[in-house]
Every structure is written in C-alpha cells, then in structure tokens.
Amino acid sequence: MVTERRIPGHARSGLKHWALVAAGCAAVVGGALGATSATGAVTGGQRAADGPVAEPVPTASPLPEADLAKVRLPLECGPFPVAVSLKASAVLDGEPVTVAAAHCRADMGTPPDGVFLVGADGAPVLLLPDADGLTVTELAVRSDGSIRGKARGYSSPDVPRFSPDLQVELVWTRSGGAWAKTETRTPVQSA
C-alpha cells in the first residue's frame, strides 16, 4: 500500500509568502540606502513632521597628520618596503603628531613592529624598537598626552612565531624632554 505524503499548508510557499519576502527585502535595501554614515553626524536640512528645519551640526575638523609615505622610518628592511600597520594622530603641546606602528613587509609571516612618533618636522622618534619582537594590535594617543598600545609577543625564543603567548600593555608618558615606556606582560590564556 502506497501512502501519499502531503505537505502541510503552512510549509508550502505561495504567492502570499513570496510577496512578504519581496516586501521584507525591499525594506532592508531601502533602510540600507537611506542610512547615514557611521560617523554619527546629523545631516542638515531635514524637516520634521511638524517642526522647523534642523540646523546642520558642525563637525570637528580632521586632525592634521604626518604623511608617513614621505617619512623615512628607521627600519632595516633590506629589499622589502616598510608597511604601516596602525597609526593615531593627535595634537600634543599644540603640535600635531602621528604615532605609527610599522614593520618590514615580508613575503611570509608578520614581522615585528616598531612604534614611532612623527611630529610636524617629519623626524621620527623611536618609541618601541622592532627588535623587541612585538606585534602591535592597538595604538592610541590619550587626552592626558600619554600614548597607549597593546601588543602580542613571546615569552622565549622557543615559542613558535605563529602563536604569541604574551599580551603586552604599553604606555609611553613624557618625562622631561623624552618618552618613558612602561609595559605590563600578561600570559595569554590558551583554550
């Protein structure tokens, strides 16, 4: 005896189903096209339903930053070019500065980063030598004038280079006319 299996009505797609799918897709696409940028800036000239025209909100001018392509960072890269992996700009003591983490762009792997402070004169100041063997993952200039970063590193030469086992918190503060570095090394928790 052969029994015919019938699909329940709620599991079958029909015209109503596909009309709702099309309407949902149109709503998603319309929302994406109408969305403003993620900068949080309000676009001016929008009239509220029963209110006056909104005034445009003034935006902060971008921070001046050094053209790192024109700066010769003191890295010994041989035939390889220098690659800037992270940068942050700010105004310290009334002067625009850019902090950059850079490394030699190699064919394989990720070489260690050096961290440099570049002022308006374009001369780089070494904050972290690439010989320390760290890969910088975060970099920021704080409002108190300090420079903070996070990096991954290795506890010994025996640790495989593809598996850093240290998380390093870096803080540079101005001490007199020079920068003083403090670091906190924490072992990475393995799963």
Protein backbone atom coordinates (compact mmCIF):
# COMPACT_ATOMS: atom_id res chain seq x y z
CA MET A 1 0.00 0.00 0.00
CA VAL A 2 1.45 3.34 -1.04
CA THR A 3 0.53 6.37 1.02
CA GLU A 4 0.79 9.81 -0.40
CA ARG A 5 2.56 12.26 1.83
CA ARG A 6 1.08 15.69 1.77
CA ILE A 7 2.98 18.83 2.83
CA PRO A 8 1.04 20.90 5.37
CA GLY A 9 -0.29 24.25 4.20
CA HIS A 10 1.97 26.32 6.45
CA ALA A 11 5.07 24.68 4.92
CA ARG A 12 4.13 25.40 1.29
CA SER A 13 5.22 28.65 -0.32
CA GLY A 14 2.69 30.53 -2.34
CA LEU A 15 2.08 33.97 -3.72
CA LYS A 16 1.45 35.48 -0.28
CA HIS A 17 4.74 34.06 1.04
CA TRP A 18 6.83 35.44 -1.82
CA ALA A 19 5.10 38.84 -1.66
CA LEU A 20 6.07 39.09 2.01
CA VAL A 21 9.66 38.03 1.23
CA ALA A 22 9.91 40.69 -1.50
CA ALA A 23 8.50 43.36 0.82
CA GLY A 24 10.99 42.40 3.54
CA CYS A 25 13.92 42.55 1.11
CA ALA A 26 12.75 45.95 -0.17
CA ALA A 27 12.59 47.25 3.40
CA VAL A 28 16.14 46.07 4.14
CA VAL A 29 17.55 47.57 0.92
CA GLY A 30 15.63 50.82 1.45
CA GLY A 31 16.91 51.07 5.01
CA ALA A 32 20.48 50.49 3.89
CA LEU A 33 20.25 53.12 1.15
CA GLY A 34 18.67 55.68 3.46
CA ALA A 35 21.09 55.18 6.34
CA THR A 36 23.65 57.86 7.07
CA SER A 37 27.31 57.17 7.62
CA ALA A 38 28.52 55.68 10.88
CA THR A 39 30.24 58.91 11.90
CA GLY A 40 27.22 59.99 13.90
CA ALA A 41 26.94 63.30 12.05
CA VAL A 42 23.44 64.66 11.59
CA THR A 43 22.60 65.54 8.01
CA GLY A 44 21.08 69.02 7.95
CA GLY A 45 18.01 70.25 6.12
CA GLN A 46 15.62 67.52 7.27
CA ARG A 47 12.19 68.89 8.08
CA ALA A 48 10.41 67.32 10.99
CA ALA A 49 6.75 66.43 10.50
CA ASP A 50 5.55 69.49 12.41
CA GLY A 51 8.74 71.34 13.33
CA PRO A 52 11.34 73.68 11.87
CA VAL A 53 14.25 72.70 9.66
CA ALA A 54 17.09 71.16 11.66
CA GLU A 55 20.31 73.15 11.62
CA PRO A 56 23.44 71.35 10.40
CA VAL A 57 25.65 70.21 13.26
CA PRO A 58 29.24 71.49 12.96
CA THR A 59 31.74 68.67 12.69
CA ALA A 60 35.25 68.67 14.07
CA SER A 61 37.96 69.27 11.53
CA PRO A 62 40.18 66.26 10.93
CA LEU A 63 43.41 66.15 12.87
CA PRO A 64 46.48 67.02 10.85
CA GLU A 65 48.69 64.00 10.49
CA ALA A 66 52.12 63.38 9.09
CA ASP A 67 52.38 61.96 5.58
CA LEU A 68 54.02 58.69 6.58
CA ALA A 69 54.78 57.86 2.94
CA LYS A 70 57.28 60.75 2.93
CA VAL A 71 58.84 59.88 6.30
CA ARG A 72 61.84 57.55 6.40
CA LEU A 73 61.20 55.28 9.37
CA PRO A 74 64.42 53.78 10.79
CA LEU A 75 63.73 50.12 10.00
CA GLU A 76 66.31 47.84 8.38
CA CYS A 77 64.14 46.10 5.78
CA GLY A 78 66.65 45.23 3.07
CA PRO A 79 64.76 44.82 -0.22
CA PHE A 80 61.33 44.90 1.43
CA PRO A 81 59.20 48.05 1.77
CA VAL A 82 58.02 49.45 5.10
CA ALA A 83 54.35 48.86 5.94
CA VAL A 84 52.45 50.98 8.46
CA SER A 85 50.01 48.71 10.30
CA LEU A 86 48.47 51.20 12.76
CA LYS A 87 48.51 54.96 13.24
CA ALA A 88 46.92 57.53 15.52
CA SER A 89 47.05 61.31 15.27
CA ALA A 90 46.62 64.00 17.92
CA VAL A 91 47.77 67.43 18.96
CA LEU A 92 50.31 67.32 21.80
CA ASP A 93 51.52 70.58 23.32
CA GLY A 94 49.91 72.47 20.44
CA GLU A 95 51.79 70.48 17.81
CA PRO A 96 50.27 67.83 15.52
CA VAL A 97 51.84 64.38 15.92
CA THR A 98 51.25 60.95 14.43
CA VAL A 99 52.11 57.73 16.23
CA ALA A 100 52.69 54.81 13.86
CA ALA A 101 53.36 51.10 14.24
CA ALA A 102 55.34 49.87 11.24
CA HIS A 103 57.17 46.75 10.10
CA CYS A 104 59.00 45.40 7.09
CA ARG A 105 56.52 43.97 4.60
CA ALA A 106 57.79 40.43 4.14
CA ASP A 107 56.57 37.74 1.77
CA MET A 108 55.63 35.41 4.62
CA GLY A 109 54.59 35.92 8.22
CA THR A 110 54.20 39.13 10.18
CA PRO A 111 57.47 40.76 11.15
CA PRO A 112 57.62 42.59 14.50
CA ASP A 113 56.52 46.20 14.70
CA GLY A 114 58.42 49.29 15.68
CA VAL A 115 56.49 52.26 17.08
CA PHE A 116 57.44 55.78 16.02
CA LEU A 117 56.27 59.29 16.93
CA VAL A 118 56.37 61.68 13.97
CA GLY A 119 55.98 65.40 14.62
CA ALA A 120 55.39 68.32 12.29
CA ASP A 121 59.08 68.34 11.32
CA GLY A 122 58.76 64.78 9.92
CA ALA A 123 61.57 63.38 12.07
CA PRO A 124 60.58 60.03 13.64
CA VAL A 125 61.24 59.37 17.33
CA LEU A 126 61.66 55.69 18.20
CA LEU A 127 59.28 54.58 20.96
CA LEU A 128 59.47 50.79 20.53
CA PRO A 129 62.22 49.06 18.53
CA ASP A 130 61.21 46.21 16.24
CA ALA A 131 63.99 44.19 17.91
CA ASP A 132 61.63 43.76 20.91
CA GLY A 133 59.73 41.24 18.75
CA LEU A 134 56.21 42.58 19.40
CA THR A 135 53.25 42.82 17.03
CA VAL A 136 51.24 45.94 17.92
CA THR A 137 47.47 45.40 17.88
CA GLU A 138 46.17 48.71 19.30
CA LEU A 139 47.56 52.24 19.38
CA ALA A 140 46.03 55.47 20.74
CA VAL A 141 47.01 58.94 21.90
CA ARG A 142 45.13 59.80 25.08
CA SER A 143 43.82 63.20 26.13
CA ASP A 144 46.33 63.29 29.01
CA GLY A 145 49.18 63.24 26.46
CA SER A 146 50.14 59.62 27.01
CA ILE A 147 50.40 57.07 24.23
CA ARG A 148 48.89 53.66 24.89
CA GLY A 149 49.08 50.45 22.96
CA LYS A 150 48.59 46.72 23.10
CA ALA A 151 50.83 44.13 21.52
CA ARG A 152 51.32 40.39 21.25
CA GLY A 153 54.70 38.86 21.99
CA TYR A 154 56.66 35.80 23.01
CA SER A 155 57.95 34.68 26.40
CA SER A 156 61.02 32.91 24.96
CA PRO A 157 62.71 32.09 21.65
CA ASP A 158 61.28 28.55 21.95
CA VAL A 159 57.68 29.75 21.45
CA PRO A 160 56.53 29.25 17.83
CA ARG A 161 56.33 32.57 15.98
CA PHE A 162 52.79 31.83 14.78
CA SER A 163 51.48 31.54 18.35
CA PRO A 164 52.29 34.53 20.58
CA ASP A 165 51.88 33.67 24.25
CA LEU A 166 52.03 37.17 25.80
CA GLN A 167 49.67 40.13 25.81
CA VAL A 168 51.65 43.34 26.41
CA GLU A 169 50.12 46.62 27.60
CA LEU A 170 52.34 49.57 26.61
CA VAL A 171 52.20 53.12 27.98
CA TRP A 172 54.51 55.97 26.98
CA THR A 173 54.50 59.16 29.06
CA ARG A 174 56.53 62.27 28.63
CA SER A 175 59.28 62.60 31.21
CA GLY A 176 61.23 65.80 30.78
CA GLY A 177 62.04 66.01 27.08
CA ALA A 178 61.98 62.24 26.46
CA TRP A 179 59.38 59.49 26.39
CA ALA A 180 59.37 56.86 29.14
CA LYS A 181 57.89 53.44 28.38
CA THR A 182 56.19 51.15 30.87
CA GLU A 183 54.89 47.74 29.93
CA THR A 184 52.86 45.02 31.56
CA ARG A 185 53.23 41.47 30.23
CA THR A 186 50.39 39.01 30.80
CA PRO A 187 50.36 35.38 29.64
CA VAL A 188 47.70 34.63 27.03
CA GLN A 189 45.16 32.10 28.28
CA SER A 190 45.03 29.10 25.96
CA ALA A 191 41.73 27.38 25.28
